[in-house]
Every structure is written in C-alpha cells, then in structure tokens.
Amino acid sequence: MVTHFTRARIILEIKGAISNSPYVCKWKGHGRAGNLLEEILGIDGGNYDVADAVGFELKTTMTPNTPTTLFHKDPKPRGTKQNLSATAFLVDNFGWPSIYQKTQEPVKSFRATIYGKWKSTHKNQELIISANNNRVSIIHNDKEVAYWDSNDLATTAASKLRNMMYVEAQKRPDNQISFVNALLFEEFQPFKFIAAIENGDIAIDFDARTNPGKSSIRNHGTKFRIKERDMMLIYNKVTPIDLL
C-alpha cells in the first residue's frame, strides 16, 4: 500500500526524522539511508516516490558531493533483430576489455559519466552531448550514435521530479544513521532541465557490459545525475525545511 503525503505532512515527517536522529540501521550498502528513511515514513520498500498523487520525490544522500541519480532512461534506438540497441552499440564500439569478477571471464565494458563531453582513457575516442528542445543526442565524429526525444525525456523527468525532498544523512558509530538536514525543491522546470544537459550541469551515466556466453548485454541502466549545488538550476523554488 502506498502512503500519500501532503506538502505539510512530508515537511513535518522529515523534521521529525531529523530531530529524532540517530537511528539504528539494519540495512547495508549505498541505499541504506534511503531504506531507513522509508521505514521511518512508513513507505513500502522499493517505492522511491513519496507520493505520486501529490508529486513528491524522496532522495537521500550520505555523500553530498556525489551526484544524485534523478532517474533512469535508456537511449534510442531500442534495437531490433537486425540492429543493435544504442546501449549495445556503445558497448561494442566504445567499450574496453575487462574481467567479470564473479566468474573471472573476459567481457567488454562501457562505463562513462558524460558532463557535456567525454574522452575515453582506453581509446582515442570522444563523445559529445548535444541537447535542444527537439532531441538530446550523443555525438561521435559529428554522427549521432544515441538519442532521446527531448519531449519524452522532459515528460519522464517532470512526472517523477515535480517536487523533491532531498535529505542528507550521516553515518554514526554502531550502525547508526542521523538525518541532519533537508531541502525542498519545488516547481520542476523541464526546459531548464534540457538546458542543464546541454550546458554540462547534468551528467548522462552509462554502465553496461557484454554478458559472458550470451549475445545480450548486461545493462545497469542509463542514469541522469546532478550535483546538489546544481539542483537549483532545474527548480523554481528551493527551501531548507528548517525555514518552513
């Protein structure tokens, strides 16, 4: 069952989570602070949208200098029996040899975080992002190798990110976590989002590799990521919750 929150209630709940810190955390890994906060708020595990009906997205971080993943959306073309998908094409043409740790088998990997421009440290190759109100493209040697329709991308972003509660957490001794502050971002701006991609303020992050013994690739999803300091570029209103 999804728990729904009004603006006033989510502010009150987050203030309570901060004032009642620290908490013992039973989870491990990078997402443990988010899992803990969901438990405190009574949100079902795996439901990362605080309330779709009223438009709040919940994000937590334990490393504020690390870019936050806004959402996942793979590029086009999607691939057919005759042609590779855009992600598979990138792996095939821009990937490099590595080892799959679980089986020690050789694979080809493509991991790239592109803020406007990316140059491979393995090959003398460069990828450039071009974004306008029609299309967001990955370009190599003046040729488009992957793309998103800007309207589709902006619609996906707007439906998920209309308003965001961004909560900073800190690790404490004895598996404890404290929630220390939060920002409420409101009134997401789709056109500013596309402009931030063009200006290199939003990264497009690929993480894919070949699959040993299979013709398919192992794709961890294409992420759109942004640093905390740049979130104000894509929202009309940013308020620390201690001022609310």
C-alpha atoms as a PDB file:
ATOM      1  CA  MET A   1       0.000   0.000   0.000  1.00  0.00           C
ATOM      2  CA  VAL A   2       1.355   3.427  -0.973  1.00  0.00           C
ATOM      3  CA  THR A   3       1.413   6.091   1.722  1.00  0.00           C
ATOM      4  CA  HIS A   4       0.395   9.545   0.478  1.00  0.00           C
ATOM      5  CA  PHE A   5       1.772  12.770   1.873  1.00  0.00           C
ATOM      6  CA  THR A   6       0.621  16.355   1.657  1.00  0.00           C
ATOM      7  CA  ARG A   7       3.279  19.055   1.476  1.00  0.00           C
ATOM      8  CA  ALA A   8       2.698  19.958   5.116  1.00  0.00           C
ATOM      9  CA  ARG A   9       2.900  16.351   6.262  1.00  0.00           C
ATOM     10  CA  ILE A  10       6.121  15.457   4.418  1.00  0.00           C
ATOM     11  CA  ILE A  11       7.776  18.564   5.911  1.00  0.00           C
ATOM     12  CA  LEU A  12       6.588  17.591   9.385  1.00  0.00           C
ATOM     13  CA  GLU A  13       7.739  13.969   8.972  1.00  0.00           C
ATOM     14  CA  ILE A  14      11.196  14.954   7.724  1.00  0.00           C
ATOM     15  CA  LYS A  15      11.629  17.437  10.565  1.00  0.00           C
ATOM     16  CA  GLY A  16      10.731  14.619  12.943  1.00  0.00           C
ATOM     17  CA  ALA A  17      13.230  12.248  11.323  1.00  0.00           C
ATOM     18  CA  ILE A  18      15.960  14.850  11.792  1.00  0.00           C
ATOM     19  CA  SER A  19      15.085  15.757  15.397  1.00  0.00           C
ATOM     20  CA  ASN A  20      14.761  12.104  16.479  1.00  0.00           C
ATOM     21  CA  SER A  21      18.117  11.043  14.995  1.00  0.00           C
ATOM     22  CA  PRO A  22      20.206   8.921  15.257  1.00  0.00           C
ATOM     23  CA  TYR A  23      18.595   5.592  14.342  1.00  0.00           C
ATOM     24  CA  VAL A  24      19.994   2.076  14.271  1.00  0.00           C
ATOM     25  CA  CYS A  25      20.094   0.950  10.629  1.00  0.00           C
ATOM     26  CA  LYS A  26      19.730  -2.728   9.696  1.00  0.00           C
ATOM     27  CA  TRP A  27      20.494  -2.169   6.008  1.00  0.00           C
ATOM     28  CA  LYS A  28      23.860  -2.190   4.275  1.00  0.00           C
ATOM     29  CA  GLY A  29      25.191  -0.582   1.124  1.00  0.00           C
ATOM     30  CA  HIS A  30      24.786   2.771  -0.590  1.00  0.00           C
ATOM     31  CA  GLY A  31      20.995   2.841  -0.290  1.00  0.00           C
ATOM     32  CA  ARG A  32      20.799   2.151   3.438  1.00  0.00           C
ATOM     33  CA  ALA A  33      19.898   5.715   4.448  1.00  0.00           C
ATOM     34  CA  GLY A  34      17.054   5.761   1.947  1.00  0.00           C
ATOM     35  CA  ASN A  35      15.769   2.390   3.127  1.00  0.00           C
ATOM     36  CA  LEU A  36      15.860   3.589   6.730  1.00  0.00           C
ATOM     37  CA  LEU A  37      14.017   6.811   5.929  1.00  0.00           C
ATOM     38  CA  GLU A  38      11.345   4.878   4.031  1.00  0.00           C
ATOM     39  CA  GLU A  39      10.844   2.677   7.087  1.00  0.00           C
ATOM     40  CA  ILE A  40      10.517   5.715   9.347  1.00  0.00           C
ATOM     41  CA  LEU A  41       7.965   7.283   6.997  1.00  0.00           C
ATOM     42  CA  GLY A  42       6.048   4.030   6.610  1.00  0.00           C
ATOM     43  CA  ILE A  43       6.717   3.724   2.885  1.00  0.00           C
ATOM     44  CA  ASP A  44       6.762   0.257   1.303  1.00  0.00           C
ATOM     45  CA  GLY A  45      10.262  -0.942   0.364  1.00  0.00           C
ATOM     46  CA  GLY A  46      11.220  -0.173  -3.202  1.00  0.00           C
ATOM     47  CA  ASN A  47       8.732   2.686  -3.507  1.00  0.00           C
ATOM     48  CA  TYR A  48      11.027   5.642  -4.081  1.00  0.00           C
ATOM     49  CA  ASP A  49       8.257   8.093  -4.979  1.00  0.00           C
ATOM     50  CA  VAL A  50       6.978   9.520  -1.723  1.00  0.00           C
ATOM     51  CA  ALA A  51       3.594  10.382  -3.225  1.00  0.00           C
ATOM     52  CA  ASP A  52       2.908  10.342  -6.948  1.00  0.00           C
ATOM     53  CA  ALA A  53      -0.556  11.785  -6.356  1.00  0.00           C
ATOM     54  CA  VAL A  54       0.815  14.994  -4.856  1.00  0.00           C
ATOM     55  CA  GLY A  55       4.127  14.980  -6.682  1.00  0.00           C
ATOM     56  CA  PHE A  56       6.885  14.417  -4.108  1.00  0.00           C
ATOM     57  CA  GLU A  57      10.076  12.514  -4.834  1.00  0.00           C
ATOM     58  CA  LEU A  58      12.291  11.476  -1.916  1.00  0.00           C
ATOM     59  CA  LYS A  59      16.074  11.458  -2.312  1.00  0.00           C
ATOM     60  CA  THR A  60      18.644  10.747   0.384  1.00  0.00           C
ATOM     61  CA  THR A  61      22.411  11.102   0.350  1.00  0.00           C
ATOM     62  CA  MET A  62      25.286  10.258   2.677  1.00  0.00           C
ATOM     63  CA  THR A  63      27.813  11.871   0.342  1.00  0.00           C
ATOM     64  CA  PRO A  64      26.549  15.336  -0.678  1.00  0.00           C
ATOM     65  CA  ASN A  65      29.438  15.871  -3.115  1.00  0.00           C
ATOM     66  CA  THR A  66      28.419  12.757  -5.073  1.00  0.00           C
ATOM     67  CA  PRO A  67      25.911  13.382  -7.901  1.00  0.00           C
ATOM     68  CA  THR A  68      22.344  12.277  -7.216  1.00  0.00           C
ATOM     69  CA  THR A  69      20.622   9.967  -9.688  1.00  0.00           C
ATOM     70  CA  LEU A  70      17.405  11.650 -10.813  1.00  0.00           C
ATOM     71  CA  PHE A  71      16.019   8.765 -12.883  1.00  0.00           C
ATOM     72  CA  HIS A  72      16.939   6.067 -15.432  1.00  0.00           C
ATOM     73  CA  LYS A  73      16.053   6.176 -19.128  1.00  0.00           C
ATOM     74  CA  ASP A  74      17.896   4.288 -21.850  1.00  0.00           C
ATOM     75  CA  PRO A  75      18.519   5.983 -25.207  1.00  0.00           C
ATOM     76  CA  LYS A  76      17.121   5.163 -28.618  1.00  0.00           C
ATOM     77  CA  PRO A  77      17.248   3.273 -30.899  1.00  0.00           C
ATOM     78  CA  ARG A  78      15.970   0.368 -28.804  1.00  0.00           C
ATOM     79  CA  GLY A  79      17.357  -2.349 -31.062  1.00  0.00           C
ATOM     80  CA  THR A  80      15.899  -4.933 -33.408  1.00  0.00           C
ATOM     81  CA  LYS A  81      16.899  -8.346 -34.716  1.00  0.00           C
ATOM     82  CA  GLN A  82      18.843  -6.559 -37.439  1.00  0.00           C
ATOM     83  CA  ASN A  83      20.376  -3.676 -35.456  1.00  0.00           C
ATOM     84  CA  LEU A  84      21.968  -3.176 -32.046  1.00  0.00           C
ATOM     85  CA  SER A  85      20.292  -1.023 -29.440  1.00  0.00           C
ATOM     86  CA  ALA A  86      22.003   2.296 -28.749  1.00  0.00           C
ATOM     87  CA  THR A  87      23.482   0.989 -25.475  1.00  0.00           C
ATOM     88  CA  ALA A  88      24.746  -2.214 -27.103  1.00  0.00           C
ATOM     89  CA  PHE A  89      26.271  -0.120 -29.901  1.00  0.00           C
ATOM     90  CA  LEU A  90      28.112   2.000 -27.334  1.00  0.00           C
ATOM     91  CA  VAL A  91      29.456  -1.115 -25.599  1.00  0.00           C
ATOM     92  CA  ASP A  92      30.523  -2.633 -28.925  1.00  0.00           C
ATOM     93  CA  ASN A  93      32.183   0.484 -30.327  1.00  0.00           C
ATOM     94  CA  PHE A  94      33.416   2.393 -27.270  1.00  0.00           C
ATOM     95  CA  GLY A  95      33.828  -0.319 -24.632  1.00  0.00           C
ATOM     96  CA  TRP A  96      37.117  -1.838 -23.424  1.00  0.00           C
ATOM     97  CA  PRO A  97      38.215  -5.297 -22.246  1.00  0.00           C
ATOM     98  CA  SER A  98      37.720  -6.094 -18.570  1.00  0.00           C
ATOM     99  CA  ILE A  99      37.055  -9.081 -16.314  1.00  0.00           C
ATOM    100  CA  TYR A 100      33.690 -10.102 -14.870  1.00  0.00           C
ATOM    101  CA  GLN A 101      34.647 -10.559 -11.229  1.00  0.00           C
ATOM    102  CA  LYS A 102      32.112 -13.272 -10.326  1.00  0.00           C
ATOM    103  CA  THR A 103      33.341 -15.726 -12.963  1.00  0.00           C
ATOM    104  CA  GLN A 104      36.689 -14.175 -13.966  1.00  0.00           C
ATOM    105  CA  GLU A 105      35.509 -14.253 -17.590  1.00  0.00           C
ATOM    106  CA  PRO A 106      36.557 -11.584 -20.106  1.00  0.00           C
ATOM    107  CA  VAL A 107      33.911  -9.009 -21.027  1.00  0.00           C
ATOM    108  CA  LYS A 108      33.753  -5.673 -22.811  1.00  0.00           C
ATOM    109  CA  SER A 109      32.620  -2.817 -20.561  1.00  0.00           C
ATOM    110  CA  PHE A 110      31.369   0.687 -21.240  1.00  0.00           C
ATOM    111  CA  ARG A 111      31.189   2.922 -18.170  1.00  0.00           C
ATOM    112  CA  ALA A 112      31.071   6.641 -18.821  1.00  0.00           C
ATOM    113  CA  THR A 113      29.780   9.670 -16.935  1.00  0.00           C
ATOM    114  CA  ILE A 114      29.314  12.395 -19.530  1.00  0.00           C
ATOM    115  CA  TYR A 115      29.033  16.037 -18.468  1.00  0.00           C
ATOM    116  CA  GLY A 116      28.694  17.536 -21.934  1.00  0.00           C
ATOM    117  CA  LYS A 117      31.821  15.815 -23.240  1.00  0.00           C
ATOM    118  CA  TRP A 118      33.649  12.557 -22.520  1.00  0.00           C
ATOM    119  CA  LYS A 119      37.015  11.266 -23.706  1.00  0.00           C
ATOM    120  CA  SER A 120      37.941   7.614 -23.278  1.00  0.00           C
ATOM    121  CA  THR A 121      41.030   6.815 -21.240  1.00  0.00           C
ATOM    122  CA  HIS A 122      41.216   3.463 -23.046  1.00  0.00           C
ATOM    123  CA  LYS A 123      40.900   4.650 -26.643  1.00  0.00           C
ATOM    124  CA  ASN A 124      41.377   7.880 -28.538  1.00  0.00           C
ATOM    125  CA  GLN A 125      37.614   8.430 -28.754  1.00  0.00           C
ATOM    126  CA  GLU A 126      35.323  11.252 -27.719  1.00  0.00           C
ATOM    127  CA  LEU A 127      31.581  11.528 -27.166  1.00  0.00           C
ATOM    128  CA  ILE A 128      29.726  14.848 -27.034  1.00  0.00           C
ATOM    129  CA  ILE A 129      26.215  15.623 -25.796  1.00  0.00           C
ATOM    130  CA  SER A 130      24.042  17.945 -27.867  1.00  0.00           C
ATOM    131  CA  ALA A 131      20.664  18.949 -26.418  1.00  0.00           C
ATOM    132  CA  ASN A 132      17.851  21.173 -27.652  1.00  0.00           C
ATOM    133  CA  ASN A 133      14.074  21.250 -27.385  1.00  0.00           C
ATOM    134  CA  ASN A 134      13.737  18.509 -30.017  1.00  0.00           C
ATOM    135  CA  ARG A 135      16.467  15.993 -29.259  1.00  0.00           C
ATOM    136  CA  VAL A 136      19.211  15.041 -26.813  1.00  0.00           C
ATOM    137  CA  SER A 137      21.971  13.319 -28.758  1.00  0.00           C
ATOM    138  CA  ILE A 138      25.243  11.516 -28.100  1.00  0.00           C
ATOM    139  CA  ILE A 139      27.601  12.512 -30.908  1.00  0.00           C
ATOM    140  CA  HIS A 140      30.815  10.874 -32.144  1.00  0.00           C
ATOM    141  CA  ASN A 141      32.727  12.422 -35.061  1.00  0.00           C
ATOM    142  CA  ASP A 142      29.662  14.530 -35.963  1.00  0.00           C
ATOM    143  CA  LYS A 143      27.466  11.409 -36.116  1.00  0.00           C
ATOM    144  CA  GLU A 144      24.594  10.690 -33.739  1.00  0.00           C
ATOM    145  CA  VAL A 145      25.104   7.321 -32.032  1.00  0.00           C
ATOM    146  CA  ALA A 146      22.327   7.511 -29.399  1.00  0.00           C
ATOM    147  CA  TYR A 147      19.458   9.869 -28.650  1.00  0.00           C
ATOM    148  CA  TRP A 148      16.364  10.732 -26.643  1.00  0.00           C
ATOM    149  CA  ASP A 149      13.347  12.733 -27.808  1.00  0.00           C
ATOM    150  CA  SER A 150      13.514  15.876 -25.672  1.00  0.00           C
ATOM    151  CA  ASN A 151       9.770  15.918 -25.089  1.00  0.00           C
ATOM    152  CA  ASP A 152       9.757  12.282 -23.909  1.00  0.00           C
ATOM    153  CA  LEU A 153      12.750  12.913 -21.662  1.00  0.00           C
ATOM    154  CA  ALA A 154      11.278  16.081 -20.167  1.00  0.00           C
ATOM    155  CA  THR A 155       7.922  14.353 -19.602  1.00  0.00           C
ATOM    156  CA  THR A 156       9.607  11.465 -17.776  1.00  0.00           C
ATOM    157  CA  ALA A 157      11.587  13.903 -15.637  1.00  0.00           C
ATOM    158  CA  ALA A 158       8.595  16.124 -14.866  1.00  0.00           C
ATOM    159  CA  SER A 159       6.333  13.225 -13.868  1.00  0.00           C
ATOM    160  CA  LYS A 160       8.927  11.937 -11.374  1.00  0.00           C
ATOM    161  CA  LEU A 161      10.594  15.130 -10.162  1.00  0.00           C
ATOM    162  CA  ARG A 162       7.846  17.767  -9.925  1.00  0.00           C
ATOM    163  CA  ASN A 163       8.829  18.385  -6.294  1.00  0.00           C
ATOM    164  CA  MET A 164      11.692  16.746  -4.438  1.00  0.00           C
ATOM    165  CA  MET A 165      12.542  16.315  -0.755  1.00  0.00           C
ATOM    166  CA  TYR A 166      16.332  15.949  -0.595  1.00  0.00           C
ATOM    167  CA  VAL A 167      17.607  14.629   2.755  1.00  0.00           C
ATOM    168  CA  GLU A 168      21.232  14.477   3.899  1.00  0.00           C
ATOM    169  CA  ALA A 169      22.239  11.637   6.225  1.00  0.00           C
ATOM    170  CA  GLN A 170      25.431  10.895   8.143  1.00  0.00           C
ATOM    171  CA  LYS A 171      26.897   7.610   9.373  1.00  0.00           C
ATOM    172  CA  ARG A 172      27.282   7.250  13.141  1.00  0.00           C
ATOM    173  CA  PRO A 173      29.002   4.582  15.300  1.00  0.00           C
ATOM    174  CA  ASP A 174      27.332   1.206  15.950  1.00  0.00           C
ATOM    175  CA  ASN A 175      25.423   1.050  12.650  1.00  0.00           C
ATOM    176  CA  GLN A 176      23.555   4.245  13.407  1.00  0.00           C
ATOM    177  CA  ILE A 177      22.492   6.927  10.928  1.00  0.00           C
ATOM    178  CA  SER A 178      21.440  10.509  11.548  1.00  0.00           C
ATOM    179  CA  PHE A 179      19.375  12.680   9.219  1.00  0.00           C
ATOM    180  CA  VAL A 180      20.925  16.106   9.531  1.00  0.00           C
ATOM    181  CA  ASN A 181      19.200  18.493   7.110  1.00  0.00           C
ATOM    182  CA  ALA A 182      16.882  18.631   4.132  1.00  0.00           C
ATOM    183  CA  LEU A 183      15.981  20.825   1.173  1.00  0.00           C
ATOM    184  CA  LEU A 184      12.598  21.026  -0.517  1.00  0.00           C
ATOM    185  CA  PHE A 185      12.879  21.584  -4.271  1.00  0.00           C
ATOM    186  CA  GLU A 186       9.634  22.685  -5.894  1.00  0.00           C
ATOM    187  CA  GLU A 187       8.288  23.510  -9.372  1.00  0.00           C
ATOM    188  CA  PHE A 188      10.492  21.437 -11.660  1.00  0.00           C
ATOM    189  CA  GLN A 189      11.325  23.186 -14.957  1.00  0.00           C
ATOM    190  CA  PRO A 190      11.514  20.792 -17.951  1.00  0.00           C
ATOM    191  CA  PHE A 191      13.090  23.265 -20.379  1.00  0.00           C
ATOM    192  CA  LYS A 192      15.732  24.228 -17.816  1.00  0.00           C
ATOM    193  CA  PHE A 193      16.387  20.505 -17.370  1.00  0.00           C
ATOM    194  CA  ILE A 194      17.181  20.109 -21.087  1.00  0.00           C
ATOM    195  CA  ALA A 195      19.347  23.258 -20.973  1.00  0.00           C
ATOM    196  CA  ALA A 196      21.270  21.844 -17.984  1.00  0.00           C
ATOM    197  CA  ILE A 197      22.091  18.729 -20.027  1.00  0.00           C
ATOM    198  CA  GLU A 198      23.334  20.909 -22.895  1.00  0.00           C
ATOM    199  CA  ASN A 199      25.432  23.024 -20.513  1.00  0.00           C
ATOM    200  CA  GLY A 200      27.059  20.001 -18.874  1.00  0.00           C
ATOM    201  CA  ASP A 201      25.382  20.510 -15.482  1.00  0.00           C
ATOM    202  CA  ILE A 202      23.547  17.172 -15.693  1.00  0.00           C
ATOM    203  CA  ALA A 203      25.524  14.002 -16.426  1.00  0.00           C
ATOM    204  CA  ILE A 204      24.383  11.087 -18.539  1.00  0.00           C
ATOM    205  CA  ASP A 205      25.868   7.983 -16.932  1.00  0.00           C
ATOM    206  CA  PHE A 206      26.262   4.661 -18.769  1.00  0.00           C
ATOM    207  CA  ASP A 207      27.118   1.351 -17.094  1.00  0.00           C
ATOM    208  CA  ALA A 208      26.858  -1.682 -19.388  1.00  0.00           C
ATOM    209  CA  ARG A 209      28.922  -4.678 -20.465  1.00  0.00           C
ATOM    210  CA  THR A 210      28.752  -7.813 -22.533  1.00  0.00           C
ATOM    211  CA  ASN A 211      27.219 -10.906 -20.964  1.00  0.00           C
ATOM    212  CA  PRO A 212      29.582 -13.937 -20.895  1.00  0.00           C
ATOM    213  CA  GLY A 213      28.206 -16.662 -23.135  1.00  0.00           C
ATOM    214  CA  LYS A 214      25.238 -14.561 -24.316  1.00  0.00           C
ATOM    215  CA  SER A 215      24.572 -12.247 -27.224  1.00  0.00           C
ATOM    216  CA  SER A 216      22.721  -9.773 -24.963  1.00  0.00           C
ATOM    217  CA  ILE A 217      24.384  -7.089 -22.847  1.00  0.00           C
ATOM    218  CA  ARG A 218      24.154  -6.528 -19.090  1.00  0.00           C
ATOM    219  CA  ASN A 219      22.793  -3.023 -18.769  1.00  0.00           C
ATOM    220  CA  HIS A 220      22.593  -1.356 -15.342  1.00  0.00           C
ATOM    221  CA  GLY A 221      20.518   1.465 -16.818  1.00  0.00           C
ATOM    222  CA  THR A 222      21.347   4.893 -18.185  1.00  0.00           C
ATOM    223  CA  LYS A 223      21.200   7.421 -15.354  1.00  0.00           C
ATOM    224  CA  PHE A 224      20.651  11.174 -15.394  1.00  0.00           C
ATOM    225  CA  ARG A 225      22.625  12.602 -12.484  1.00  0.00           C
ATOM    226  CA  ILE A 226      23.121  16.032 -10.927  1.00  0.00           C
ATOM    227  CA  LYS A 227      25.196  17.535  -8.119  1.00  0.00           C
ATOM    228  CA  GLU A 228      23.352  19.076  -5.171  1.00  0.00           C
ATOM    229  CA  ARG A 229      24.689  22.551  -5.913  1.00  0.00           C
ATOM    230  CA  ASP A 230      23.188  22.425  -9.417  1.00  0.00           C
ATOM    231  CA  MET A 231      19.677  21.236  -8.474  1.00  0.00           C
ATOM    232  CA  MET A 232      18.566  24.858  -8.150  1.00  0.00           C
ATOM    233  CA  LEU A 233      19.113  25.131 -11.925  1.00  0.00           C
ATOM    234  CA  ILE A 234      16.120  22.898 -12.634  1.00  0.00           C
ATOM    235  CA  TYR A 235      13.666  24.051  -9.942  1.00  0.00           C
ATOM    236  CA  ASN A 236      11.959  27.408  -9.446  1.00  0.00           C
ATOM    237  CA  LYS A 237      11.959  27.177  -5.661  1.00  0.00           C
ATOM    238  CA  VAL A 238      14.476  25.772  -3.156  1.00  0.00           C
ATOM    239  CA  THR A 239      13.845  25.970   0.593  1.00  0.00           C
ATOM    240  CA  PRO A 240      15.659  24.467   3.601  1.00  0.00           C
ATOM    241  CA  ILE A 241      12.963  22.736   5.652  1.00  0.00           C
ATOM    242  CA  ASP A 242      14.093  24.468   8.856  1.00  0.00           C
ATOM    243  CA  LEU A 243      12.729  27.647   7.286  1.00  0.00           C
ATOM    244  CA  LEU A 244       9.304  26.086   6.641  1.00  0.00           C
END
